[in-house]
Each structure stands twice: as structure tokens, then as C-alpha cells.
Amino acid sequence: MDTKKLITGVLTVFVLFVIITQPKRAAEMVGIGFQGLSDAATGIGEFITELVS
């Protein structure tokens, strides 16, 4: 079996397990992830703005 497929399958099962057993915690983790992406995008935008100025 391909290692990449095995790791993907294990991660998928883990994510589904967390979502089913702890939906509030899963929602918090997703929120934290989106907040991190938002902060990164804001930082990149500020960096580009300073380069242009």
C-alpha cells in the first residue's frame, strides 16, 4: 500500500473521530485555523503595503 494513501486515510479517520466525539472542540480547532489564516493574510497585506509605500 502506498504510504501517502495510508497517512491520508489515518488522518481522515482521526478527523472524523474528533468531529463525531467532540464537535465543540472540533469547531474550536477550525475557528483557530481560520483565525491563523486571517492573521497571516493581514500580515502579508501589511508587508506588501509597506513595500509599495
PDB file of N, CA and C in Angstrom:
ATOM      1  N   MET A   1       0.847  -1.190   0.000  1.00  0.00           N
ATOM      2  CA  MET A   1       0.000   0.000   0.000  1.00  0.00           C
ATOM      3  C   MET A   1       0.887   1.246   0.000  1.00  0.00           C
ATOM      4  N   ASP A   2       0.462   2.237  -0.706  1.00  0.00           N
ATOM      5  CA  ASP A   2       1.199   3.484  -0.808  1.00  0.00           C
ATOM      6  C   ASP A   2       1.166   4.216   0.540  1.00  0.00           C
ATOM      7  N   THR A   3       2.308   4.675   0.991  1.00  0.00           N
ATOM      8  CA  THR A   3       2.421   5.339   2.292  1.00  0.00           C
ATOM      9  C   THR A   3       1.577   6.605   2.352  1.00  0.00           C
ATOM     10  N   LYS A   4       1.560   7.360   1.269  1.00  0.00           N
ATOM     11  CA  LYS A   4       0.788   8.604   1.237  1.00  0.00           C
ATOM     12  C   LYS A   4      -0.703   8.314   1.413  1.00  0.00           C
ATOM     13  N   LYS A   5      -1.198   7.291   0.767  1.00  0.00           N
ATOM     14  CA  LYS A   5      -2.615   6.920   0.902  1.00  0.00           C
ATOM     15  C   LYS A   5      -2.918   6.457   2.315  1.00  0.00           C
ATOM     16  N   LEU A   6      -1.992   5.725   2.924  1.00  0.00           N
ATOM     17  CA  LEU A   6      -2.178   5.238   4.293  1.00  0.00           C
ATOM     18  C   LEU A   6      -2.252   6.402   5.275  1.00  0.00           C
ATOM     19  N   ILE A   7      -1.339   7.345   5.160  1.00  0.00           N
ATOM     20  CA  ILE A   7      -1.326   8.503   6.057  1.00  0.00           C
ATOM     21  C   ILE A   7      -2.586   9.339   5.862  1.00  0.00           C
ATOM     22  N   THR A   8      -2.996   9.550   4.619  1.00  0.00           N
ATOM     23  CA  THR A   8      -4.220  10.300   4.335  1.00  0.00           C
ATOM     24  C   THR A   8      -5.433   9.614   4.949  1.00  0.00           C
ATOM     25  N   GLY A   9      -5.510   8.300   4.820  1.00  0.00           N
ATOM     26  CA  GLY A   9      -6.618   7.547   5.395  1.00  0.00           C
ATOM     27  C   GLY A   9      -6.656   7.639   6.910  1.00  0.00           C
ATOM     28  N   VAL A  10      -5.504   7.512   7.548  1.00  0.00           N
ATOM     29  CA  VAL A  10      -5.428   7.602   9.008  1.00  0.00           C
ATOM     30  C   VAL A  10      -5.832   8.996   9.477  1.00  0.00           C
ATOM     31  N   LEU A  11      -5.350  10.030   8.805  1.00  0.00           N
ATOM     32  CA  LEU A  11      -5.724  11.402   9.182  1.00  0.00           C
ATOM     33  C   LEU A  11      -7.216  11.650   8.986  1.00  0.00           C
ATOM     34  N   THR A  12      -7.789  11.109   7.920  1.00  0.00           N
ATOM     35  CA  THR A  12      -9.219  11.266   7.675  1.00  0.00           C
ATOM     36  C   THR A  12     -10.034  10.605   8.774  1.00  0.00           C
ATOM     37  N   VAL A  13      -9.652   9.396   9.143  1.00  0.00           N
ATOM     38  CA  VAL A  13     -10.357   8.692  10.214  1.00  0.00           C
ATOM     39  C   VAL A  13     -10.231   9.459  11.533  1.00  0.00           C
ATOM     40  N   PHE A  14      -9.044   9.987  11.814  1.00  0.00           N
ATOM     41  CA  PHE A  14      -8.842  10.755  13.046  1.00  0.00           C
ATOM     42  C   PHE A  14      -9.712  12.002  13.072  1.00  0.00           C
ATOM     43  N   VAL A  15      -9.746  12.737  11.958  1.00  0.00           N
ATOM     44  CA  VAL A  15     -10.555  13.956  11.893  1.00  0.00           C
ATOM     45  C   VAL A  15     -12.037  13.626  12.083  1.00  0.00           C
ATOM     46  N   LEU A  16     -12.509  12.592  11.419  1.00  0.00           N
ATOM     47  CA  LEU A  16     -13.910  12.189  11.581  1.00  0.00           C
ATOM     48  C   LEU A  16     -14.194  11.759  13.020  1.00  0.00           C
ATOM     49  N   PHE A  17     -13.274  11.053  13.634  1.00  0.00           N
ATOM     50  CA  PHE A  17     -13.436  10.629  15.023  1.00  0.00           C
ATOM     51  C   PHE A  17     -13.572  11.830  15.954  1.00  0.00           C
ATOM     52  N   VAL A  18     -12.712  12.823  15.775  1.00  0.00           N
ATOM     53  CA  VAL A  18     -12.760  14.025  16.621  1.00  0.00           C
ATOM     54  C   VAL A  18     -14.065  14.777  16.392  1.00  0.00           C
ATOM     55  N   ILE A  19     -14.486  14.910  15.139  1.00  0.00           N
ATOM     56  CA  ILE A  19     -15.724  15.627  14.835  1.00  0.00           C
ATOM     57  C   ILE A  19     -16.923  14.927  15.462  1.00  0.00           C
ATOM     58  N   ILE A  20     -16.954  13.612  15.411  1.00  0.00           N
ATOM     59  CA  ILE A  20     -18.099  12.867  15.941  1.00  0.00           C
ATOM     60  C   ILE A  20     -18.099  12.850  17.460  1.00  0.00           C
ATOM     61  N   THR A  21     -16.935  12.657  18.080  1.00  0.00           N
ATOM     62  CA  THR A  21     -16.890  12.512  19.534  1.00  0.00           C
ATOM     63  C   THR A  21     -16.820  13.840  20.270  1.00  0.00           C
ATOM     64  N   GLN A  22     -16.245  14.867  19.651  1.00  0.00           N
ATOM     65  CA  GLN A  22     -16.078  16.167  20.317  1.00  0.00           C
ATOM     66  C   GLN A  22     -16.372  17.301  19.331  1.00  0.00           C
ATOM     67  N   PRO A  23     -17.642  17.486  18.977  1.00  0.00           N
ATOM     68  CA  PRO A  23     -17.944  18.503  17.952  1.00  0.00           C
ATOM     69  C   PRO A  23     -17.609  19.928  18.387  1.00  0.00           C
ATOM     70  N   LYS A  24     -17.767  20.250  19.659  1.00  0.00           N
ATOM     71  CA  LYS A  24     -17.440  21.613  20.111  1.00  0.00           C
ATOM     72  C   LYS A  24     -15.948  21.872  19.982  1.00  0.00           C
ATOM     73  N   ARG A  25     -15.145  20.911  20.387  1.00  0.00           N
ATOM     74  CA  ARG A  25     -13.691  21.060  20.295  1.00  0.00           C
ATOM     75  C   ARG A  25     -13.252  21.133  18.826  1.00  0.00           C
ATOM     76  N   ALA A  26     -13.879  20.347  17.967  1.00  0.00           N
ATOM     77  CA  ALA A  26     -13.549  20.377  16.541  1.00  0.00           C
ATOM     78  C   ALA A  26     -13.862  21.751  15.949  1.00  0.00           C
ATOM     79  N   ALA A  27     -14.993  22.323  16.353  1.00  0.00           N
ATOM     80  CA  ALA A  27     -15.356  23.659  15.865  1.00  0.00           C
ATOM     81  C   ALA A  27     -14.357  24.701  16.352  1.00  0.00           C
ATOM     82  N   GLU A  28     -13.887  24.556  17.583  1.00  0.00           N
ATOM     83  CA  GLU A  28     -12.887  25.488  18.103  1.00  0.00           C
ATOM     84  C   GLU A  28     -11.592  25.396  17.301  1.00  0.00           C
ATOM     85  N   MET A  29     -11.189  24.164  16.970  1.00  0.00           N
ATOM     86  CA  MET A  29      -9.958  23.983  16.203  1.00  0.00           C
ATOM     87  C   MET A  29     -10.077  24.592  14.805  1.00  0.00           C
ATOM     88  N   VAL A  30     -11.230  24.436  14.172  1.00  0.00           N
ATOM     89  CA  VAL A  30     -11.440  25.030  12.853  1.00  0.00           C
ATOM     90  C   VAL A  30     -11.406  26.551  12.962  1.00  0.00           C
ATOM     91  N   GLY A  31     -12.036  27.097  13.997  1.00  0.00           N
ATOM     92  CA  GLY A  31     -12.016  28.544  14.207  1.00  0.00           C
ATOM     93  C   GLY A  31     -10.604  29.065  14.405  1.00  0.00           C
ATOM     94  N   ILE A  32      -9.816  28.331  15.178  1.00  0.00           N
ATOM     95  CA  ILE A  32      -8.420  28.729  15.400  1.00  0.00           C
ATOM     96  C   ILE A  32      -7.648  28.700  14.079  1.00  0.00           C
ATOM     97  N   GLY A  33      -7.899  27.686  13.266  1.00  0.00           N
ATOM     98  CA  GLY A  33      -7.226  27.593  11.969  1.00  0.00           C
ATOM     99  C   GLY A  33      -7.572  28.759  11.061  1.00  0.00           C
ATOM    100  N   PHE A  34      -8.861  29.108  10.994  1.00  0.00           N
ATOM    101  CA  PHE A  34      -9.262  30.232  10.153  1.00  0.00           C
ATOM    102  C   PHE A  34      -8.724  31.554  10.699  1.00  0.00           C
ATOM    103  N   GLN A  35      -8.645  31.683  12.017  1.00  0.00           N
ATOM    104  CA  GLN A  35      -8.079  32.901  12.602  1.00  0.00           C
ATOM    105  C   GLN A  35      -6.602  33.025  12.225  1.00  0.00           C
ATOM    106  N   GLY A  36      -5.892  31.912  12.245  1.00  0.00           N
ATOM    107  CA  GLY A  36      -4.483  31.919  11.845  1.00  0.00           C
ATOM    108  C   GLY A  36      -4.309  32.311  10.392  1.00  0.00           C
ATOM    109  N   LEU A  37      -5.158  31.777   9.515  1.00  0.00           N
ATOM    110  CA  LEU A  37      -5.093  32.159   8.105  1.00  0.00           C
ATOM    111  C   LEU A  37      -5.396  33.641   7.914  1.00  0.00           C
ATOM    112  N   SER A  38      -6.377  34.130   8.657  1.00  0.00           N
ATOM    113  CA  SER A  38      -6.737  35.547   8.567  1.00  0.00           C
ATOM    114  C   SER A  38      -5.577  36.432   9.024  1.00  0.00           C
ATOM    115  N   ASP A  39      -4.949  36.058  10.128  1.00  0.00           N
ATOM    116  CA  ASP A  39      -3.811  36.830  10.633  1.00  0.00           C
ATOM    117  C   ASP A  39      -2.651  36.815   9.636  1.00  0.00           C
ATOM    118  N   ALA A  40      -2.416  35.656   9.021  1.00  0.00           N
ATOM    119  CA  ALA A  40      -1.335  35.556   8.035  1.00  0.00           C
ATOM    120  C   ALA A  40      -1.623  36.436   6.826  1.00  0.00           C
ATOM    121  N   ALA A  41      -2.860  36.413   6.346  1.00  0.00           N
ATOM    122  CA  ALA A  41      -3.224  37.242   5.197  1.00  0.00           C
ATOM    123  C   ALA A  41      -3.096  38.730   5.530  1.00  0.00           C
ATOM    124  N   THR A  42      -3.494  39.105   6.728  1.00  0.00           N
ATOM    125  CA  THR A  42      -3.367  40.500   7.154  1.00  0.00           C
ATOM    126  C   THR A  42      -1.902  40.913   7.194  1.00  0.00           C
ATOM    127  N   GLY A  43      -1.062  40.035   7.740  1.00  0.00           N
ATOM    128  CA  GLY A  43       0.374  40.331   7.807  1.00  0.00           C
ATOM    129  C   GLY A  43       0.989  40.475   6.435  1.00  0.00           C
ATOM    130  N   ILE A  44       0.619  39.600   5.514  1.00  0.00           N
ATOM    131  CA  ILE A  44       1.146  39.685   4.148  1.00  0.00           C
ATOM    132  C   ILE A  44       0.676  40.970   3.483  1.00  0.00           C
ATOM    133  N   GLY A  45      -0.584  41.327   3.705  1.00  0.00           N
ATOM    134  CA  GLY A  45      -1.116  42.571   3.128  1.00  0.00           C
ATOM    135  C   GLY A  45      -0.376  43.782   3.649  1.00  0.00           C
ATOM    136  N   GLU A  46      -0.109  43.810   4.943  1.00  0.00           N
ATOM    137  CA  GLU A  46       0.624  44.935   5.528  1.00  0.00           C
ATOM    138  C   GLU A  46       2.050  44.984   4.990  1.00  0.00           C
ATOM    139  N   PHE A  47       2.666  43.834   4.832  1.00  0.00           N
ATOM    140  CA  PHE A  47       4.030  43.772   4.297  1.00  0.00           C
ATOM    141  C   PHE A  47       4.082  44.323   2.877  1.00  0.00           C
ATOM    142  N   ILE A  48       3.147  43.896   2.034  1.00  0.00           N
ATOM    143  CA  ILE A  48       3.101  44.370   0.644  1.00  0.00           C
ATOM    144  C   ILE A  48       2.831  45.877   0.613  1.00  0.00           C
ATOM    145  N   THR A  49       1.935  46.344   1.476  1.00  0.00           N
ATOM    146  CA  THR A  49       1.632  47.768   1.536  1.00  0.00           C
ATOM    147  C   THR A  49       2.876  48.570   1.878  1.00  0.00           C
ATOM    148  N   GLU A  50       3.668  48.085   2.831  1.00  0.00           N
ATOM    149  CA  GLU A  50       4.891  48.788   3.212  1.00  0.00           C
ATOM    150  C   GLU A  50       5.943  48.745   2.095  1.00  0.00           C
ATOM    151  N   LEU A  51       5.964  47.651   1.328  1.00  0.00           N
ATOM    152  CA  LEU A  51       6.909  47.597   0.214  1.00  0.00           C
ATOM    153  C   LEU A  51       6.548  48.614  -0.862  1.00  0.00           C
ATOM    154  N   VAL A  52       5.259  48.783  -1.106  1.00  0.00           N
ATOM    155  CA  VAL A  52       4.811  49.707  -2.142  1.00  0.00           C
ATOM    156  C   VAL A  52       5.018  51.150  -1.704  1.00  0.00           C
ATOM    157  N   SER A  53       4.853  51.411  -0.424  1.00  0.00           N
ATOM    158  CA  SER A  53       4.957  52.798   0.073  1.00  0.00           C
ATOM    159  C   SER A  53       6.362  53.334   0.021  1.00  0.00           C
TER     160      SER A  53
END
